[in-house]
Each structure stands twice: as C-alpha cells, then as structure tokens.
N, C-alpha and C. Protein backbone atom coordinates (compact mmCIF):
# COMPACT_ATOMS: atom_id res chain seq x y z
N UNK A 1 110.85 86.89 110.23
CA UNK A 1 111.24 87.07 108.85
C UNK A 1 112.76 87.03 108.76
N UNK A 2 113.26 86.29 107.78
CA UNK A 2 114.70 86.20 107.53
C UNK A 2 114.94 86.46 106.05
N UNK A 3 116.14 86.98 105.74
CA UNK A 3 116.44 87.26 104.33
C UNK A 3 117.94 87.19 104.10
N UNK A 4 118.29 87.09 102.83
CA UNK A 4 119.69 87.10 102.42
C UNK A 4 119.77 87.72 101.03
N UNK A 5 120.87 88.42 100.77
CA UNK A 5 121.09 89.00 99.45
C UNK A 5 122.18 88.21 98.74
N UNK A 6 121.95 87.96 97.45
CA UNK A 6 122.88 87.18 96.64
C UNK A 6 123.02 87.87 95.28
N UNK A 7 124.26 88.02 94.83
CA UNK A 7 124.49 88.59 93.50
C UNK A 7 124.50 87.46 92.48
N UNK A 8 123.76 87.64 91.41
CA UNK A 8 123.64 86.66 90.33
C UNK A 8 124.82 86.83 89.37
N UNK A 9 125.51 85.73 89.07
CA UNK A 9 126.66 85.79 88.17
C UNK A 9 126.48 84.96 86.91
N UNK A 10 125.35 84.32 86.76
CA UNK A 10 125.08 83.54 85.55
C UNK A 10 124.86 84.51 84.39
N UNK A 11 125.61 84.35 83.29
CA UNK A 11 125.45 85.27 82.15
C UNK A 11 124.03 85.35 81.61
N UNK A 12 123.26 84.26 81.75
CA UNK A 12 121.88 84.24 81.26
C UNK A 12 120.89 84.82 82.25
N UNK A 13 121.34 85.15 83.46
CA UNK A 13 120.42 85.63 84.48
C UNK A 13 119.52 84.51 84.96
N UNK A 14 118.39 84.87 85.54
CA UNK A 14 117.45 83.87 86.05
C UNK A 14 116.48 83.52 84.93
N UNK A 15 116.62 82.32 84.39
CA UNK A 15 115.79 81.87 83.27
C UNK A 15 114.89 80.72 83.73
N UNK A 16 114.17 80.13 82.79
CA UNK A 16 113.11 79.17 83.11
C UNK A 16 113.58 77.98 83.94
N UNK A 17 114.69 77.38 83.60
CA UNK A 17 115.16 76.19 84.33
C UNK A 17 115.35 76.46 85.81
N UNK A 18 116.19 77.44 86.17
CA UNK A 18 116.36 77.74 87.59
C UNK A 18 115.08 78.26 88.25
N UNK A 19 114.26 79.01 87.53
CA UNK A 19 113.01 79.52 88.11
C UNK A 19 112.11 78.37 88.53
N UNK A 20 112.04 77.35 87.70
CA UNK A 20 111.21 76.18 88.01
C UNK A 20 111.75 75.46 89.24
N UNK A 21 113.07 75.34 89.35
CA UNK A 21 113.67 74.66 90.50
C UNK A 21 113.47 75.46 91.78
N UNK A 22 113.58 76.77 91.70
CA UNK A 22 113.34 77.62 92.86
C UNK A 22 111.89 77.47 93.34
N UNK A 23 110.97 77.50 92.40
CA UNK A 23 109.55 77.37 92.73
C UNK A 23 109.28 76.01 93.38
N UNK A 24 109.79 74.95 92.79
CA UNK A 24 109.57 73.61 93.33
C UNK A 24 110.12 73.50 94.76
N UNK A 25 111.31 74.06 94.98
CA UNK A 25 111.92 74.03 96.32
C UNK A 25 111.07 74.84 97.31
N UNK A 26 110.65 76.04 96.92
CA UNK A 26 109.86 76.89 97.80
C UNK A 26 108.52 76.25 98.18
N UNK A 27 107.93 75.52 97.25
CA UNK A 27 106.65 74.86 97.53
C UNK A 27 106.76 73.79 98.62
N UNK A 28 107.97 73.35 98.91
CA UNK A 28 108.17 72.35 99.95
C UNK A 28 108.16 72.91 101.36
N UNK A 29 107.99 74.20 101.50
CA UNK A 29 108.00 74.84 102.81
C UNK A 29 106.68 75.54 103.08
N UNK A 30 106.32 75.61 104.36
CA UNK A 30 105.09 76.29 104.74
C UNK A 30 105.24 77.81 104.74
N UNK A 31 106.45 78.27 104.94
CA UNK A 31 106.70 79.72 105.01
C UNK A 31 106.38 80.41 103.70
N UNK A 32 106.07 81.70 103.82
CA UNK A 32 105.92 82.53 102.63
C UNK A 32 107.34 82.83 102.14
N UNK A 33 107.59 82.57 100.88
CA UNK A 33 108.92 82.77 100.30
C UNK A 33 108.81 83.76 99.14
N UNK A 34 109.66 84.77 99.18
CA UNK A 34 109.64 85.82 98.16
C UNK A 34 111.05 86.05 97.62
N UNK A 35 111.08 86.60 96.43
CA UNK A 35 112.33 86.98 95.80
C UNK A 35 112.19 88.42 95.37
N UNK A 36 113.11 89.28 95.83
CA UNK A 36 113.04 90.71 95.50
C UNK A 36 114.21 91.08 94.60
N UNK A 37 113.90 91.77 93.52
CA UNK A 37 114.90 92.32 92.62
C UNK A 37 114.53 93.78 92.36
N UNK A 38 115.36 94.67 92.83
CA UNK A 38 115.10 96.11 92.72
C UNK A 38 113.75 96.42 93.37
N UNK A 39 112.80 96.95 92.63
CA UNK A 39 111.50 97.30 93.21
C UNK A 39 110.46 96.19 93.09
N UNK A 40 110.83 95.07 92.48
CA UNK A 40 109.89 93.98 92.24
C UNK A 40 110.05 92.89 93.28
N UNK A 41 108.93 92.52 93.91
CA UNK A 41 108.92 91.40 94.84
C UNK A 41 108.01 90.33 94.26
N UNK A 42 108.56 89.11 94.12
CA UNK A 42 107.82 88.01 93.50
C UNK A 42 107.61 86.88 94.49
N UNK A 43 106.49 86.20 94.34
CA UNK A 43 106.20 85.00 95.10
C UNK A 43 107.12 83.89 94.57
N UNK A 44 108.01 83.38 95.41
CA UNK A 44 108.95 82.35 94.98
C UNK A 44 108.26 81.02 94.70
N UNK A 45 106.99 80.90 95.04
CA UNK A 45 106.25 79.67 94.78
C UNK A 45 105.52 79.73 93.44
N UNK A 46 105.79 80.77 92.65
CA UNK A 46 105.18 80.95 91.34
C UNK A 46 106.27 81.12 90.29
N UNK A 47 106.33 80.19 89.34
CA UNK A 47 107.35 80.28 88.28
C UNK A 47 107.19 81.59 87.51
N UNK A 48 105.97 81.95 87.17
CA UNK A 48 105.75 83.20 86.43
C UNK A 48 106.15 84.41 87.27
N UNK A 49 105.89 84.35 88.56
CA UNK A 49 106.29 85.44 89.44
C UNK A 49 107.80 85.59 89.48
N UNK A 50 108.51 84.48 89.62
CA UNK A 50 109.98 84.51 89.66
C UNK A 50 110.53 85.05 88.34
N UNK A 51 110.01 84.56 87.24
CA UNK A 51 110.47 85.05 85.94
C UNK A 51 110.14 86.53 85.76
N UNK A 52 109.02 86.96 86.33
CA UNK A 52 108.59 88.35 86.22
C UNK A 52 109.48 89.32 86.98
N UNK A 53 110.34 88.81 87.85
CA UNK A 53 111.27 89.68 88.57
C UNK A 53 112.40 90.17 87.67
N UNK A 54 112.51 89.57 86.48
CA UNK A 54 113.48 90.00 85.46
C UNK A 54 114.91 90.11 86.02
N UNK A 55 115.39 89.03 86.60
CA UNK A 55 116.72 89.01 87.20
C UNK A 55 117.76 88.78 86.12
N UNK A 56 118.72 89.69 86.04
CA UNK A 56 119.78 89.62 85.05
C UNK A 56 121.14 89.41 85.71
N UNK A 57 122.11 89.04 84.90
CA UNK A 57 123.48 88.89 85.38
C UNK A 57 123.92 90.19 86.07
N UNK A 58 124.48 90.06 87.25
CA UNK A 58 124.94 91.22 88.01
C UNK A 58 123.95 91.76 89.01
N UNK A 59 122.67 91.40 88.88
CA UNK A 59 121.66 91.87 89.82
C UNK A 59 121.88 91.24 91.20
N UNK A 60 121.55 91.99 92.23
CA UNK A 60 121.58 91.48 93.60
C UNK A 60 120.13 91.25 94.01
N UNK A 61 119.80 89.98 94.24
CA UNK A 61 118.44 89.65 94.65
C UNK A 61 118.40 89.43 96.16
N UNK A 62 117.22 89.56 96.72
CA UNK A 62 117.01 89.27 98.13
C UNK A 62 115.97 88.17 98.23
N UNK A 63 116.32 87.12 98.93
CA UNK A 63 115.38 86.02 99.21
C UNK A 63 114.84 86.28 100.61
N UNK A 64 113.52 86.27 100.73
CA UNK A 64 112.86 86.59 102.00
C UNK A 64 111.92 85.43 102.35
N UNK A 65 112.03 84.93 103.57
CA UNK A 65 111.15 83.86 104.04
C UNK A 65 110.54 84.26 105.37
N UNK A 66 109.27 83.95 105.53
CA UNK A 66 108.57 84.29 106.76
C UNK A 66 107.58 83.18 107.09
N UNK A 67 107.76 82.59 108.27
CA UNK A 67 106.85 81.54 108.70
C UNK A 67 107.53 80.55 109.63
N UNK A 68 106.85 79.46 109.88
CA UNK A 68 107.29 78.49 110.89
C UNK A 68 108.60 77.80 110.54
N UNK A 69 108.89 77.63 109.25
CA UNK A 69 110.13 76.97 108.84
C UNK A 69 111.02 77.91 108.02
N UNK A 70 110.99 79.19 108.37
CA UNK A 70 111.67 80.22 107.58
C UNK A 70 113.18 80.01 107.49
N UNK A 71 113.81 79.58 108.56
CA UNK A 71 115.26 79.37 108.53
C UNK A 71 115.65 78.28 107.54
N UNK A 72 114.93 77.17 107.60
CA UNK A 72 115.21 76.05 106.70
C UNK A 72 114.93 76.43 105.25
N UNK A 73 113.82 77.13 105.04
CA UNK A 73 113.46 77.55 103.69
C UNK A 73 114.51 78.49 103.11
N UNK A 74 114.95 79.46 103.90
CA UNK A 74 115.94 80.41 103.43
C UNK A 74 117.25 79.71 103.09
N UNK A 75 117.71 78.82 103.95
CA UNK A 75 118.96 78.11 103.70
C UNK A 75 118.87 77.28 102.42
N UNK A 76 117.76 76.58 102.23
CA UNK A 76 117.60 75.74 101.04
C UNK A 76 117.53 76.57 99.76
N UNK A 77 116.77 77.66 99.80
CA UNK A 77 116.64 78.50 98.62
C UNK A 77 117.95 79.21 98.29
N UNK A 78 118.65 79.69 99.31
CA UNK A 78 119.93 80.35 99.08
C UNK A 78 120.94 79.39 98.47
N UNK A 79 121.00 78.16 98.99
CA UNK A 79 121.91 77.16 98.42
C UNK A 79 121.57 76.87 96.97
N UNK A 80 120.29 76.73 96.69
CA UNK A 80 119.86 76.44 95.33
C UNK A 80 120.20 77.58 94.38
N UNK A 81 119.94 78.80 94.79
CA UNK A 81 120.27 79.96 93.94
C UNK A 81 121.76 80.02 93.68
N UNK A 82 122.55 79.79 94.70
CA UNK A 82 124.02 79.81 94.51
C UNK A 82 124.45 78.73 93.53
N UNK A 83 123.89 77.53 93.65
CA UNK A 83 124.25 76.43 92.75
C UNK A 83 123.81 76.72 91.32
N UNK A 84 122.61 77.25 91.14
CA UNK A 84 122.04 77.42 89.81
C UNK A 84 122.48 78.70 89.12
N UNK A 85 122.72 79.76 89.88
CA UNK A 85 122.90 81.09 89.27
C UNK A 85 124.20 81.81 89.65
N UNK A 86 125.05 81.13 90.42
CA UNK A 86 126.27 81.78 90.86
C UNK A 86 127.50 80.89 90.66
N UNK A 87 127.40 79.96 89.78
CA UNK A 87 128.54 79.11 89.49
C UNK A 87 128.90 78.12 90.58
N UNK A 88 127.93 77.77 91.41
CA UNK A 88 128.16 76.75 92.43
C UNK A 88 128.42 77.31 93.75
C-alpha cells in the first residue's frame, strides 16, 4: 500500500469535472485506488464516491493505492490531482 497527501487549492474544491477525470484515470489501473478526506474514504473508481468525499478548498486529501501497479497508479493520480485541483 502506498499513499500521498495533497492539499487542495482550487477555490471550487473537487467538483464534477476533476472527479470524472480522477475516476477515469483510476479505472486504468488494477490496484484498488481510494481517496480519503477527513473521516470519509471513497473509491476513486467511482465518480459518485469521489464527489461524496466532499473535498473543499483547503482540505488535505490522501490518495491511497494498493495492488500490483500501486506505484504507477499513485504517481498518475497524484499528478492529475495536482494539475486539476492545485493550480498545476
């Protein structure tokens, strides 16, 4: 299992557009991919799950990947979150 924490700086927080991109990216990996915000852990392969984590500007999320391609999945998801929700 590998994980990384990232602070969200997008004023809109995590909304539908980035949630859909995160889900699409996560579906490309065999590993289990999750997104944790405070006490909520969401399946990163589910758009509704990601949106249900209620990520707002300033929140620190944790991306967690576990499986055969966990390193690659974590790197790809972290890069995507930084591009979409942290100003690049």
